[in-house]
C-alpha atoms as a PDB file:
ATOM      1  CA  UNK A   1     103.801 104.332  98.029  1.00  0.00           C
ATOM      2  CA  UNK A   2     105.652 106.213  95.520  1.00  0.00           C
ATOM      3  CA  UNK A   3     107.771 108.926  97.444  1.00  0.00           C
ATOM      4  CA  UNK A   4     106.898 112.316  98.307  1.00  0.00           C
ATOM      5  CA  UNK A   5     108.025 115.320  96.927  1.00  0.00           C
ATOM      6  CA  UNK A   6     109.771 117.044  99.813  1.00  0.00           C
ATOM      7  CA  UNK A   7     113.500 118.502  99.966  1.00  0.00           C
ATOM      8  CA  UNK A   8     116.097 116.268 101.160  1.00  0.00           C
ATOM      9  CA  UNK A   9     119.339 116.881 102.922  1.00  0.00           C
ATOM     10  CA  UNK A  10     121.581 119.249 100.795  1.00  0.00           C
ATOM     11  CA  UNK A  11     125.489 118.980 100.339  1.00  0.00           C
ATOM     12  CA  UNK A  12     126.264 121.545 102.428  1.00  0.00           C
ATOM     13  CA  UNK A  13     125.928 119.085 105.581  1.00  0.00           C
ATOM     14  CA  UNK A  14     129.090 117.642 106.910  1.00  0.00           C
ATOM     15  CA  UNK A  15     127.736 113.983 106.704  1.00  0.00           C
ATOM     16  CA  UNK A  16     125.606 114.819 103.225  1.00  0.00           C
ATOM     17  CA  UNK A  17     128.672 112.143 101.718  1.00  0.00           C
ATOM     18  CA  UNK A  18     127.505 108.831 103.350  1.00  0.00           C
ATOM     19  CA  UNK A  19     123.712 109.548 103.585  1.00  0.00           C
ATOM     20  CA  UNK A  20     124.092 110.976 107.329  1.00  0.00           C
ATOM     21  CA  UNK A  21     122.010 114.257 106.047  1.00  0.00           C
ATOM     22  CA  UNK A  22     118.892 112.660 106.024  1.00  0.00           C
ATOM     23  CA  UNK A  23     116.382 113.484 108.822  1.00  0.00           C
ATOM     24  CA  UNK A  24     115.534 110.804 111.435  1.00  0.00           C
ATOM     25  CA  UNK A  25     112.133 109.029 111.246  1.00  0.00           C
ATOM     26  CA  UNK A  26     110.715 107.376 114.806  1.00  0.00           C
ATOM     27  CA  UNK A  27     113.240 105.209 116.598  1.00  0.00           C
ATOM     28  CA  UNK A  28     116.440 106.704 114.994  1.00  0.00           C
ATOM     29  CA  UNK A  29     115.492 105.401 111.767  1.00  0.00           C
ATOM     30  CA  UNK A  30     116.765 107.367 108.956  1.00  0.00           C
ATOM     31  CA  UNK A  31     113.732 108.571 106.680  1.00  0.00           C
ATOM     32  CA  UNK A  32     114.735 109.231 102.563  1.00  0.00           C
ATOM     33  CA  UNK A  33     113.294 112.648 101.482  1.00  0.00           C
ATOM     34  CA  UNK A  34     114.037 112.920  97.731  1.00  0.00           C
ATOM     35  CA  UNK A  35     115.008 116.740  96.590  1.00  0.00           C
ATOM     36  CA  UNK A  36     113.627 118.450  94.010  1.00  0.00           C
ATOM     37  CA  UNK A  37     115.359 118.468  90.687  1.00  0.00           C
ATOM     38  CA  UNK A  38     117.616 121.080  89.570  1.00  0.00           C
ATOM     39  CA  UNK A  39     118.807 122.177  86.358  1.00  0.00           C
ATOM     40  CA  UNK A  40     120.696 119.443  84.453  1.00  0.00           C
ATOM     41  CA  UNK A  41     124.234 120.613  83.758  1.00  0.00           C
ATOM     42  CA  UNK A  42     125.653 117.871  81.752  1.00  0.00           C
ATOM     43  CA  UNK A  43     122.882 116.747  79.271  1.00  0.00           C
ATOM     44  CA  UNK A  44     119.679 114.431  79.259  1.00  0.00           C
ATOM     45  CA  UNK A  45     121.514 111.124  80.190  1.00  0.00           C
ATOM     46  CA  UNK A  46     123.371 112.393  82.950  1.00  0.00           C
ATOM     47  CA  UNK A  47     121.130 111.263  85.530  1.00  0.00           C
ATOM     48  CA  UNK A  48     120.701 107.758  84.220  1.00  0.00           C
ATOM     49  CA  UNK A  49     124.373 107.223  83.983  1.00  0.00           C
ATOM     50  CA  UNK A  50     124.599 107.803  87.373  1.00  0.00           C
ATOM     51  CA  UNK A  51     122.264 105.536  88.555  1.00  0.00           C
ATOM     52  CA  UNK A  52     123.879 102.846  86.648  1.00  0.00           C
ATOM     53  CA  UNK A  53     127.183 103.398  87.840  1.00  0.00           C
ATOM     54  CA  UNK A  54     125.578 103.549  91.809  1.00  0.00           C
ATOM     55  CA  UNK A  55     123.671 100.337  91.039  1.00  0.00           C
ATOM     56  CA  UNK A  56     126.689  98.555  90.260  1.00  0.00           C
ATOM     57  CA  UNK A  57     129.074 100.039  93.072  1.00  0.00           C
ATOM     58  CA  UNK A  58     126.331  99.157  95.873  1.00  0.00           C
ATOM     59  CA  UNK A  59     125.803  96.016  94.566  1.00  0.00           C
ATOM     60  CA  UNK A  60     129.662  95.237  93.992  1.00  0.00           C
ATOM     61  CA  UNK A  61     130.921  96.973  97.231  1.00  0.00           C
ATOM     62  CA  UNK A  62     128.035  98.095  99.302  1.00  0.00           C
ATOM     63  CA  UNK A  63     126.064 100.847 100.210  1.00  0.00           C
ATOM     64  CA  UNK A  64     127.740 102.136 103.371  1.00  0.00           C
ATOM     65  CA  UNK A  65     131.566 101.636 101.128  1.00  0.00           C
ATOM     66  CA  UNK A  66     130.805 103.471  98.276  1.00  0.00           C
ATOM     67  CA  UNK A  67     131.088 107.592  98.291  1.00  0.00           C
ATOM     68  CA  UNK A  68     129.721 110.007  95.988  1.00  0.00           C
ATOM     69  CA  UNK A  69     133.257 111.109  94.799  1.00  0.00           C
ATOM     70  CA  UNK A  70     133.932 107.392  93.764  1.00  0.00           C
ATOM     71  CA  UNK A  71     130.337 107.509  91.637  1.00  0.00           C
ATOM     72  CA  UNK A  72     131.130 110.924  90.143  1.00  0.00           C
ATOM     73  CA  UNK A  73     134.527 109.698  89.388  1.00  0.00           C
ATOM     74  CA  UNK A  74     133.351 106.691  87.838  1.00  0.00           C
ATOM     75  CA  UNK A  75     130.428 108.548  85.184  1.00  0.00           C
ATOM     76  CA  UNK A  76     133.233 111.128  84.580  1.00  0.00           C
ATOM     77  CA  UNK A  77     131.592 114.167  86.027  1.00  0.00           C
ATOM     78  CA  UNK A  78     132.234 116.481  88.833  1.00  0.00           C
ATOM     79  CA  UNK A  79     130.923 115.715  92.275  1.00  0.00           C
ATOM     80  CA  UNK A  80     129.509 119.324  92.036  1.00  0.00           C
ATOM     81  CA  UNK A  81     127.578 118.029  89.000  1.00  0.00           C
ATOM     82  CA  UNK A  82     126.309 114.977  90.965  1.00  0.00           C
ATOM     83  CA  UNK A  83     124.912 116.981  93.228  1.00  0.00           C
ATOM     84  CA  UNK A  84     122.295 118.793  90.867  1.00  0.00           C
ATOM     85  CA  UNK A  85     120.793 115.497  90.504  1.00  0.00           C
ATOM     86  CA  UNK A  86     121.276 113.710  93.958  1.00  0.00           C
ATOM     87  CA  UNK A  87     121.725 115.584  97.021  1.00  0.00           C
ATOM     88  CA  UNK A  88     123.133 112.475  99.241  1.00  0.00           C
ATOM     89  CA  UNK A  89     123.605 108.757  99.230  1.00  0.00           C
ATOM     90  CA  UNK A  90     120.136 108.445 100.415  1.00  0.00           C
ATOM     91  CA  UNK A  91     118.730 110.309  97.615  1.00  0.00           C
ATOM     92  CA  UNK A  92     120.114 107.991  95.142  1.00  0.00           C
ATOM     93  CA  UNK A  93     118.972 105.308  96.721  1.00  0.00           C
ATOM     94  CA  UNK A  94     115.488 105.910  96.938  1.00  0.00           C
ATOM     95  CA  UNK A  95     115.722 106.631  92.730  1.00  0.00           C
ATOM     96  CA  UNK A  96     117.060 103.192  92.854  1.00  0.00           C
ATOM     97  CA  UNK A  97     114.269 101.727  94.775  1.00  0.00           C
ATOM     98  CA  UNK A  98     111.414 102.962  92.382  1.00  0.00           C
ATOM     99  CA  UNK A  99     111.788 100.327  89.718  1.00  0.00           C
ATOM    100  CA  UNK A 100     111.006  98.014  92.357  1.00  0.00           C
ATOM    101  CA  UNK A 101     108.225  99.889  93.736  1.00  0.00           C
ATOM    102  CA  UNK A 102     106.575 100.022  90.485  1.00  0.00           C
ATOM    103  CA  UNK A 103     107.332  96.313  90.281  1.00  0.00           C
ATOM    104  CA  UNK A 104     105.315  95.628  93.531  1.00  0.00           C
ATOM    105  CA  UNK A 105     102.789  97.735  91.948  1.00  0.00           C
ATOM    106  CA  UNK A 106     102.258  95.657  89.263  1.00  0.00           C
ATOM    107  CA  UNK A 107     102.454  92.497  90.899  1.00  0.00           C
ATOM    108  CA  UNK A 108      99.461  93.610  93.326  1.00  0.00           C
ATOM    109  CA  UNK A 109      97.398  94.482  90.082  1.00  0.00           C
ATOM    110  CA  UNK A 110      98.168  90.555  88.916  1.00  0.00           C
ATOM    111  CA  UNK A 111      97.099  89.597  92.136  1.00  0.00           C
ATOM    112  CA  UNK A 112      94.106  91.279  92.797  1.00  0.00           C
ATOM    113  CA  UNK A 113      90.774  88.332  92.872  1.00  0.00           C
ATOM    114  CA  UNK A 114      91.248  85.292  93.139  1.00  0.00           C
ATOM    115  CA  UNK A 115      93.005  83.625  90.352  1.00  0.00           C
ATOM    116  CA  UNK A 116      91.847  80.347  88.828  1.00  0.00           C
ATOM    117  CA  UNK A 117      95.004  77.618  88.297  1.00  0.00           C
ATOM    118  CA  UNK A 118      95.677  78.425  84.995  1.00  0.00           C
ATOM    119  CA  UNK A 119      95.853  82.430  85.861  1.00  0.00           C
ATOM    120  CA  UNK A 120      98.376  81.294  88.714  1.00  0.00           C
ATOM    121  CA  UNK A 121     100.789  79.884  86.095  1.00  0.00           C
ATOM    122  CA  UNK A 122     100.577  82.651  83.905  1.00  0.00           C
ATOM    123  CA  UNK A 123     101.201  84.780  86.993  1.00  0.00           C
ATOM    124  CA  UNK A 124     104.330  82.855  87.920  1.00  0.00           C
ATOM    125  CA  UNK A 125     105.472  82.970  84.363  1.00  0.00           C
ATOM    126  CA  UNK A 126     105.394  86.555  84.473  1.00  0.00           C
ATOM    127  CA  UNK A 127     107.634  86.509  87.990  1.00  0.00           C
ATOM    128  CA  UNK A 128     110.446  84.709  86.292  1.00  0.00           C
ATOM    129  CA  UNK A 129     110.675  87.166  83.526  1.00  0.00           C
ATOM    130  CA  UNK A 130     110.673  89.903  86.054  1.00  0.00           C
ATOM    131  CA  UNK A 131     113.002  88.293  87.915  1.00  0.00           C
ATOM    132  CA  UNK A 132     115.247  88.089  85.091  1.00  0.00           C
ATOM    133  CA  UNK A 133     114.612  91.244  83.965  1.00  0.00           C
ATOM    134  CA  UNK A 134     115.219  93.059  87.389  1.00  0.00           C
ATOM    135  CA  UNK A 135     118.138  90.644  88.372  1.00  0.00           C
ATOM    136  CA  UNK A 136     120.677  93.484  89.629  1.00  0.00           C
ATOM    137  CA  UNK A 137     117.963  95.337  91.667  1.00  0.00           C
ATOM    138  CA  UNK A 138     117.232  92.183  93.770  1.00  0.00           C
ATOM    139  CA  UNK A 139     120.838  92.138  94.005  1.00  0.00           C
ATOM    140  CA  UNK A 140     121.106  95.547  95.568  1.00  0.00           C
ATOM    141  CA  UNK A 141     118.475  94.910  98.110  1.00  0.00           C
ATOM    142  CA  UNK A 142     120.331  91.370  98.854  1.00  0.00           C
ATOM    143  CA  UNK A 143     123.474  92.533  99.297  1.00  0.00           C
ATOM    144  CA  UNK A 144     122.244  96.026 101.357  1.00  0.00           C
ATOM    145  CA  UNK A 145     119.732  94.581 103.325  1.00  0.00           C
ATOM    146  CA  UNK A 146     120.831  95.800 106.870  1.00  0.00           C
ATOM    147  CA  UNK A 147     120.482  99.361 104.675  1.00  0.00           C
ATOM    148  CA  UNK A 148     117.221  98.782 103.750  1.00  0.00           C
ATOM    149  CA  UNK A 149     116.109  97.718 106.716  1.00  0.00           C
ATOM    150  CA  UNK A 150     117.375 100.782 108.412  1.00  0.00           C
ATOM    151  CA  UNK A 151     115.688 102.952 106.502  1.00  0.00           C
ATOM    152  CA  UNK A 152     112.014 104.404 105.849  1.00  0.00           C
ATOM    153  CA  UNK A 153     111.079 105.761 102.242  1.00  0.00           C
ATOM    154  CA  UNK A 154     109.589 108.855 103.056  1.00  0.00           C
ATOM    155  CA  UNK A 155     105.802 109.251 101.523  1.00  0.00           C
ATOM    156  CA  UNK A 156     104.783 105.281 101.177  1.00  0.00           C
ATOM    157  CA  UNK A 157     101.293 104.904 101.656  1.00  0.00           C
ATOM    158  CA  UNK A 158     100.662 102.631 104.375  1.00  0.00           C
ATOM    159  CA  UNK A 159      97.154 101.512 103.218  1.00  0.00           C
ATOM    160  CA  UNK A 160      98.730  99.910  99.997  1.00  0.00           C
ATOM    161  CA  UNK A 161      98.903  96.282 100.509  1.00  0.00           C
ATOM    162  CA  UNK A 162     102.425  94.710 100.921  1.00  0.00           C
ATOM    163  CA  UNK A 163     102.761  91.992  98.740  1.00  0.00           C
ATOM    164  CA  UNK A 164     103.545  89.416 101.281  1.00  0.00           C
ATOM    165  CA  UNK A 165     100.159  90.132 102.912  1.00  0.00           C
ATOM    166  CA  UNK A 166      98.597  90.235  99.354  1.00  0.00           C
ATOM    167  CA  UNK A 167     100.034  86.677  98.490  1.00  0.00           C
ATOM    168  CA  UNK A 168      99.043  85.524 101.885  1.00  0.00           C
ATOM    169  CA  UNK A 169      95.200  86.647 101.491  1.00  0.00           C
ATOM    170  CA  UNK A 170      95.065  84.957  98.769  1.00  0.00           C
ATOM    171  CA  UNK A 171      96.520  81.716  99.110  1.00  0.00           C
ATOM    172  CA  UNK A 172      94.108  81.698 102.564  1.00  0.00           C
ATOM    173  CA  UNK A 173      91.319  81.770 100.353  1.00  0.00           C
ATOM    174  CA  UNK A 174      88.895  79.046 101.608  1.00  0.00           C
ATOM    175  CA  UNK A 175      87.690  78.537  98.001  1.00  0.00           C
ATOM    176  CA  UNK A 176      90.850  77.108  98.318  1.00  0.00           C
ATOM    177  CA  UNK A 177      91.593  73.218  99.029  1.00  0.00           C
ATOM    178  CA  UNK A 178      94.406  72.829 101.580  1.00  0.00           C
ATOM    179  CA  UNK A 179      96.275  70.626  98.671  1.00  0.00           C
ATOM    180  CA  UNK A 180      95.721  74.046  96.115  1.00  0.00           C
ATOM    181  CA  UNK A 181      96.741  76.583  98.952  1.00  0.00           C
ATOM    182  CA  UNK A 182     100.132  74.326  99.651  1.00  0.00           C
ATOM    183  CA  UNK A 183     100.994  73.810  95.813  1.00  0.00           C
ATOM    184  CA  UNK A 184     100.459  77.397  94.951  1.00  0.00           C
ATOM    185  CA  UNK A 185     102.797  78.503  98.080  1.00  0.00           C
ATOM    186  CA  UNK A 186     105.015  75.947  97.156  1.00  0.00           C
ATOM    187  CA  UNK A 187     105.436  76.968  93.751  1.00  0.00           C
ATOM    188  CA  UNK A 188     105.925  80.712  94.399  1.00  0.00           C
ATOM    189  CA  UNK A 189     108.757  79.835  96.774  1.00  0.00           C
ATOM    190  CA  UNK A 190     110.473  77.459  93.975  1.00  0.00           C
ATOM    191  CA  UNK A 191     110.380  80.751  91.699  1.00  0.00           C
ATOM    192  CA  UNK A 192     112.174  83.034  94.357  1.00  0.00           C
ATOM    193  CA  UNK A 193     114.110  80.317  95.697  1.00  0.00           C
ATOM    194  CA  UNK A 194     115.763  79.227  92.358  1.00  0.00           C
ATOM    195  CA  UNK A 195     116.778  82.815  91.227  1.00  0.00           C
ATOM    196  CA  UNK A 196     117.917  83.443  94.982  1.00  0.00           C
ATOM    197  CA  UNK A 197     119.877  80.662  94.594  1.00  0.00           C
ATOM    198  CA  UNK A 198     122.226  82.268  91.401  1.00  0.00           C
ATOM    199  CA  UNK A 199     122.098  85.747  93.442  1.00  0.00           C
ATOM    200  CA  UNK A 200     124.474  84.462  96.431  1.00  0.00           C
ATOM    201  CA  UNK A 201     127.871  86.378  96.221  1.00  0.00           C
ATOM    202  CA  UNK A 202     130.120  83.794  94.238  1.00  0.00           C
ATOM    203  CA  UNK A 203     127.813  82.157  92.424  1.00  0.00           C
ATOM    204  CA  UNK A 204     128.224  81.632  88.689  1.00  0.00           C
ATOM    205  CA  UNK A 205     125.670  83.418  86.510  1.00  0.00           C
ATOM    206  CA  UNK A 206     123.173  80.942  84.738  1.00  0.00           C
ATOM    207  CA  UNK A 207     121.794  81.408  81.408  1.00  0.00           C
ATOM    208  CA  UNK A 208     118.628  83.443  82.004  1.00  0.00           C
ATOM    209  CA  UNK A 209     116.527  81.408  79.626  1.00  0.00           C
ATOM    210  CA  UNK A 210     118.178  77.789  80.584  1.00  0.00           C
ATOM    211  CA  UNK A 211     117.115  79.232  84.443  1.00  0.00           C
ATOM    212  CA  UNK A 212     113.906  80.197  83.479  1.00  0.00           C
ATOM    213  CA  UNK A 213     112.835  76.991  81.495  1.00  0.00           C
ATOM    214  CA  UNK A 214     113.857  75.065  84.322  1.00  0.00           C
ATOM    215  CA  UNK A 215     111.981  76.825  86.402  1.00  0.00           C
ATOM    216  CA  UNK A 216     108.552  76.750  84.402  1.00  0.00           C
ATOM    217  CA  UNK A 217     108.915  73.272  84.099  1.00  0.00           C
ATOM    218  CA  UNK A 218     109.203  72.695  87.856  1.00  0.00           C
ATOM    219  CA  UNK A 219     106.336  74.710  88.789  1.00  0.00           C
ATOM    220  CA  UNK A 220     103.823  73.006  86.077  1.00  0.00           C
ATOM    221  CA  UNK A 221     104.939  69.789  87.688  1.00  0.00           C
ATOM    222  CA  UNK A 222     104.376  70.892  91.180  1.00  0.00           C
ATOM    223  CA  UNK A 223     100.736  72.361  89.739  1.00  0.00           C
ATOM    224  CA  UNK A 224     100.444  69.242  87.959  1.00  0.00           C
ATOM    225  CA  UNK A 225      99.809  71.037  84.725  1.00  0.00           C
ATOM    226  CA  UNK A 226     100.810  70.742  81.563  1.00  0.00           C
ATOM    227  CA  UNK A 227     104.205  71.458  80.162  1.00  0.00           C
ATOM    228  CA  UNK A 228     104.851  74.823  78.799  1.00  0.00           C
ATOM    229  CA  UNK A 229     104.279  74.265  74.968  1.00  0.00           C
ATOM    230  CA  UNK A 230     107.510  76.764  74.443  1.00  0.00           C
END
């Protein structure tokens, strides 16, 4: 699922500013193709600052309404300097996708096999922590859902199991009783939905520790296990 290393659309193309320079995949869908890195003109922290600002703007006002010029101005670099790091907005979006790709990989590793009830609770505790740590990235996906649905990420391994498929297979384990499958599915949904409620536009940002504690108590109640001693 990691992106391939192919040359993407460059700044010389008329519509590269709005991501239109990316090649088209099947059925007219855009394909994100990462560019080769050029020498850094501004220092080692410039790329990270660009990503931070792009993430903020894509969350605040959306991918389509954000220009590379606006990102460059907020970072404090020229638009030409920004092009040393990212050749298009699609290239930027691809870089912001990487942390979520890595998270999915770690999730798949933790879900290998058929976990016991105790290890399922441990997995959900980990998910709660990761959702808190990656909240801004989840907001990026939520508030730019149409863009992500349209785009294909070049170089993803199609043989790698998606988390939904992995969870579906695990919950369909014949060794689990129907009651166990329902409770595990419900507990995972509870965790995801609990965080999703806090990501709705205009929703007040909750105290992360308070929300995590509420979710941990709720899943343990549903799964009928002892309360978290912490």
